[in-house]
Amino acid sequence: MAVAHLIKHRPTTDKSSEQKPTPTWIVVVSALLLGIPLALCCTLLLML
């Protein structure tokens, strides 16, 4: 009975999660992935 209860409430949670903005961890990961190569390039250019 509890499983059916959870399945019934799943669509509502999906809708609420879709309305939310992008999670902070996605922003942090993307910033790190973009920032680390840029920082490495800058340090290499400064060292040259």
PDB file of N, CA and C in Angstrom:
ATOM      1  N   MET A   1       0.840  -1.207   0.000  1.00  0.00           N
ATOM      2  CA  MET A   1       0.000   0.000   0.000  1.00  0.00           C
ATOM      3  C   MET A   1       0.875   1.257   0.000  1.00  0.00           C
ATOM      4  N   ALA A   2       1.968   1.217   0.750  1.00  0.00           N
ATOM      5  CA  ALA A   2       2.833   2.391   0.811  1.00  0.00           C
ATOM      6  C   ALA A   2       3.496   2.663  -0.531  1.00  0.00           C
ATOM      7  N   VAL A   3       3.826   1.589  -1.257  1.00  0.00           N
ATOM      8  CA  VAL A   3       4.478   1.772  -2.566  1.00  0.00           C
ATOM      9  C   VAL A   3       3.540   2.483  -3.530  1.00  0.00           C
ATOM     10  N   ALA A   4       2.274   2.058  -3.560  1.00  0.00           N
ATOM     11  CA  ALA A   4       1.292   2.708  -4.430  1.00  0.00           C
ATOM     12  C   ALA A   4       1.114   4.170  -4.024  1.00  0.00           C
ATOM     13  N   HIS A   5       1.148   4.431  -2.721  1.00  0.00           N
ATOM     14  CA  HIS A   5       1.013   5.801  -2.231  1.00  0.00           C
ATOM     15  C   HIS A   5       2.177   6.657  -2.739  1.00  0.00           C
ATOM     16  N   LEU A   6       3.401   6.102  -2.721  1.00  0.00           N
ATOM     17  CA  LEU A   6       4.561   6.842  -3.199  1.00  0.00           C
ATOM     18  C   LEU A   6       4.484   7.070  -4.701  1.00  0.00           C
ATOM     19  N   ILE A   7       4.037   6.046  -5.444  1.00  0.00           N
ATOM     20  CA  ILE A   7       3.944   6.175  -6.898  1.00  0.00           C
ATOM     21  C   ILE A   7       2.925   7.255  -7.267  1.00  0.00           C
ATOM     22  N   LYS A   8       1.833   7.346  -6.506  1.00  0.00           N
ATOM     23  CA  LYS A   8       0.833   8.381  -6.793  1.00  0.00           C
ATOM     24  C   LYS A   8       1.406   9.773  -6.598  1.00  0.00           C
ATOM     25  N   HIS A   9       2.279   9.927  -5.619  1.00  0.00           N
ATOM     26  CA  HIS A   9       2.818  11.254  -5.315  1.00  0.00           C
ATOM     27  C   HIS A   9       4.056  11.593  -6.140  1.00  0.00           C
ATOM     28  N   ARG A  10       4.555  10.661  -6.933  1.00  0.00           N
ATOM     29  CA  ARG A  10       5.756  10.936  -7.718  1.00  0.00           C
ATOM     30  C   ARG A  10       5.575  12.050  -8.752  1.00  0.00           C
ATOM     31  N   PRO A  11       4.488  12.065  -9.556  1.00  0.00           N
ATOM     32  CA  PRO A  11       4.351  13.123 -10.566  1.00  0.00           C
ATOM     33  C   PRO A  11       4.372  14.523  -9.967  1.00  0.00           C
ATOM     34  N   THR A  12       3.779  14.705  -8.787  1.00  0.00           N
ATOM     35  CA  THR A  12       3.755  16.029  -8.179  1.00  0.00           C
ATOM     36  C   THR A  12       5.173  16.459  -7.808  1.00  0.00           C
ATOM     37  N   THR A  13       5.978  15.536  -7.278  1.00  0.00           N
ATOM     38  CA  THR A  13       7.350  15.883  -6.923  1.00  0.00           C
ATOM     39  C   THR A  13       8.164  16.183  -8.177  1.00  0.00           C
ATOM     40  N   ASP A  14       7.897  15.447  -9.276  1.00  0.00           N
ATOM     41  CA  ASP A  14       8.617  15.714 -10.525  1.00  0.00           C
ATOM     42  C   ASP A  14       8.292  17.114 -11.036  1.00  0.00           C
ATOM     43  N   LYS A  15       7.007  17.504 -10.959  1.00  0.00           N
ATOM     44  CA  LYS A  15       6.621  18.831 -11.439  1.00  0.00           C
ATOM     45  C   LYS A  15       7.293  19.922 -10.606  1.00  0.00           C
ATOM     46  N   SER A  16       7.321  19.732  -9.286  1.00  0.00           N
ATOM     47  CA  SER A  16       7.919  20.746  -8.422  1.00  0.00           C
ATOM     48  C   SER A  16       9.426  20.843  -8.678  1.00  0.00           C
ATOM     49  N   SER A  17      10.074  19.693  -8.953  1.00  0.00           N
ATOM     50  CA  SER A  17      11.513  19.713  -9.210  1.00  0.00           C
ATOM     51  C   SER A  17      11.804  20.372 -10.559  1.00  0.00           C
ATOM     52  N   GLU A  18      10.890  20.221 -11.537  1.00  0.00           N
ATOM     53  CA  GLU A  18      11.098  20.853 -12.833  1.00  0.00           C
ATOM     54  C   GLU A  18      10.997  22.371 -12.729  1.00  0.00           C
ATOM     55  N   GLN A  19      10.103  22.851 -11.847  1.00  0.00           N
ATOM     56  CA  GLN A  19       9.914  24.288 -11.702  1.00  0.00           C
ATOM     57  C   GLN A  19      11.095  24.948 -10.988  1.00  0.00           C
ATOM     58  N   LYS A  20      11.811  24.180 -10.174  1.00  0.00           N
ATOM     59  CA  LYS A  20      12.945  24.756  -9.440  1.00  0.00           C
ATOM     60  C   LYS A  20      14.057  25.157 -10.411  1.00  0.00           C
ATOM     61  N   PRO A  21      14.872  26.180 -10.057  1.00  0.00           N
ATOM     62  CA  PRO A  21      16.030  26.521 -10.877  1.00  0.00           C
ATOM     63  C   PRO A  21      17.088  25.430 -10.797  1.00  0.00           C
ATOM     64  N   THR A  22      18.133  25.586 -11.594  1.00  0.00           N
ATOM     65  CA  THR A  22      19.167  24.549 -11.627  1.00  0.00           C
ATOM     66  C   THR A  22      19.814  24.409 -10.254  1.00  0.00           C
ATOM     67  N   PRO A  23      20.088  23.185  -9.802  1.00  0.00           N
ATOM     68  CA  PRO A  23      20.713  22.974  -8.487  1.00  0.00           C
ATOM     69  C   PRO A  23      22.068  23.660  -8.397  1.00  0.00           C
ATOM     70  N   THR A  24      22.443  24.027  -7.183  1.00  0.00           N
ATOM     71  CA  THR A  24      23.702  24.753  -6.988  1.00  0.00           C
ATOM     72  C   THR A  24      24.897  23.877  -7.333  1.00  0.00           C
ATOM     73  N   TRP A  25      24.797  22.553  -7.084  1.00  0.00           N
ATOM     74  CA  TRP A  25      25.965  21.693  -7.334  1.00  0.00           C
ATOM     75  C   TRP A  25      26.262  21.617  -8.817  1.00  0.00           C
ATOM     76  N   ILE A  26      25.239  21.716  -9.672  1.00  0.00           N
ATOM     77  CA  ILE A  26      25.495  21.710 -11.119  1.00  0.00           C
ATOM     78  C   ILE A  26      26.258  22.974 -11.503  1.00  0.00           C
ATOM     79  N   VAL A  27      25.863  24.108 -10.918  1.00  0.00           N
ATOM     80  CA  VAL A  27      26.545  25.371 -11.201  1.00  0.00           C
ATOM     81  C   VAL A  27      27.991  25.307 -10.731  1.00  0.00           C
ATOM     82  N   VAL A  28      28.194  24.740  -9.532  1.00  0.00           N
ATOM     83  CA  VAL A  28      29.554  24.649  -8.974  1.00  0.00           C
ATOM     84  C   VAL A  28      30.419  23.749  -9.844  1.00  0.00           C
ATOM     85  N   VAL A  29      29.877  22.598 -10.253  1.00  0.00           N
ATOM     86  CA  VAL A  29      30.660  21.657 -11.066  1.00  0.00           C
ATOM     87  C   VAL A  29      31.009  22.279 -12.410  1.00  0.00           C
ATOM     88  N   SER A  30      30.038  22.930 -13.040  1.00  0.00           N
ATOM     89  CA  SER A  30      30.306  23.557 -14.340  1.00  0.00           C
ATOM     90  C   SER A  30      31.333  24.685 -14.190  1.00  0.00           C
ATOM     91  N   ALA A  31      31.226  25.450 -13.095  1.00  0.00           N
ATOM     92  CA  ALA A  31      32.187  26.527 -12.864  1.00  0.00           C
ATOM     93  C   ALA A  31      33.589  25.967 -12.665  1.00  0.00           C
ATOM     94  N   LEU A  32      33.695  24.850 -11.926  1.00  0.00           N
ATOM     95  CA  LEU A  32      35.008  24.235 -11.725  1.00  0.00           C
ATOM     96  C   LEU A  32      35.565  23.694 -13.041  1.00  0.00           C
ATOM     97  N   LEU A  33      34.701  23.035 -13.823  1.00  0.00           N
ATOM     98  CA  LEU A  33      35.159  22.456 -15.092  1.00  0.00           C
ATOM     99  C   LEU A  33      35.617  23.555 -16.042  1.00  0.00           C
ATOM    100  N   LEU A  34      34.962  24.711 -16.010  1.00  0.00           N
ATOM    101  CA  LEU A  34      35.361  25.809 -16.882  1.00  0.00           C
ATOM    102  C   LEU A  34      36.535  26.586 -16.281  1.00  0.00           C
ATOM    103  N   GLY A  35      36.538  26.718 -14.961  1.00  0.00           N
ATOM    104  CA  GLY A  35      37.529  27.576 -14.308  1.00  0.00           C
ATOM    105  C   GLY A  35      38.914  26.956 -14.227  1.00  0.00           C
ATOM    106  N   ILE A  36      38.989  25.653 -13.980  1.00  0.00           N
ATOM    107  CA  ILE A  36      40.296  25.011 -13.812  1.00  0.00           C
ATOM    108  C   ILE A  36      41.133  25.099 -15.097  1.00  0.00           C
ATOM    109  N   PRO A  37      40.597  24.749 -16.269  1.00  0.00           N
ATOM    110  CA  PRO A  37      41.404  24.893 -17.494  1.00  0.00           C
ATOM    111  C   PRO A  37      41.800  26.341 -17.761  1.00  0.00           C
ATOM    112  N   LEU A  38      40.888  27.281 -17.485  1.00  0.00           N
ATOM    113  CA  LEU A  38      41.218  28.685 -17.689  1.00  0.00           C
ATOM    114  C   LEU A  38      42.348  29.113 -16.763  1.00  0.00           C
ATOM    115  N   ALA A  39      42.291  28.673 -15.500  1.00  0.00           N
ATOM    116  CA  ALA A  39      43.347  29.016 -14.545  1.00  0.00           C
ATOM    117  C   ALA A  39      44.676  28.406 -14.984  1.00  0.00           C
ATOM    118  N   LEU A  40      44.641  27.160 -15.462  1.00  0.00           N
ATOM    119  CA  LEU A  40      45.873  26.524 -15.929  1.00  0.00           C
ATOM    120  C   LEU A  40      46.445  27.264 -17.126  1.00  0.00           C
ATOM    121  N   CYS A  41      45.605  27.670 -18.050  1.00  0.00           N
ATOM    122  CA  CYS A  41      46.088  28.415 -19.220  1.00  0.00           C
ATOM    123  C   CYS A  41      46.704  29.741 -18.799  1.00  0.00           C
ATOM    124  N   CYS A  42      46.049  30.427 -17.866  1.00  0.00           N
ATOM    125  CA  CYS A  42      46.572  31.717 -17.408  1.00  0.00           C
ATOM    126  C   CYS A  42      47.926  31.535 -16.739  1.00  0.00           C
ATOM    127  N   THR A  43      48.063  30.516 -15.899  1.00  0.00           N
ATOM    128  CA  THR A  43      49.345  30.298 -15.222  1.00  0.00           C
ATOM    129  C   THR A  43      50.426  29.929 -16.227  1.00  0.00           C
ATOM    130  N   LEU A  44      50.077  29.128 -17.221  1.00  0.00           N
ATOM    131  CA  LEU A  44      51.061  28.760 -18.246  1.00  0.00           C
ATOM    132  C   LEU A  44      51.489  29.979 -19.045  1.00  0.00           C
ATOM    133  N   LEU A  45      50.539  30.847 -19.377  1.00  0.00           N
ATOM    134  CA  LEU A  45      50.880  32.057 -20.135  1.00  0.00           C
ATOM    135  C   LEU A  45      51.756  32.978 -19.300  1.00  0.00           C
ATOM    136  N   LEU A  46      51.466  33.092 -17.993  1.00  0.00           N
ATOM    137  CA  LEU A  46      52.274  33.948 -17.132  1.00  0.00           C
ATOM    138  C   LEU A  46      53.679  33.382 -16.959  1.00  0.00           C
ATOM    139  N   MET A  47      53.787  32.053 -16.934  1.00  0.00           N
ATOM    140  CA  MET A  47      55.096  31.432 -16.751  1.00  0.00           C
ATOM    141  C   MET A  47      55.953  31.578 -18.002  1.00  0.00           C
ATOM    142  N   LEU A  48      55.348  31.672 -19.172  1.00  0.00           N
ATOM    143  CA  LEU A  48      56.132  31.758 -20.412  1.00  0.00           C
ATOM    144  C   LEU A  48      56.877  33.057 -20.544  1.00  0.00           C
TER     145      LEU A  48
END
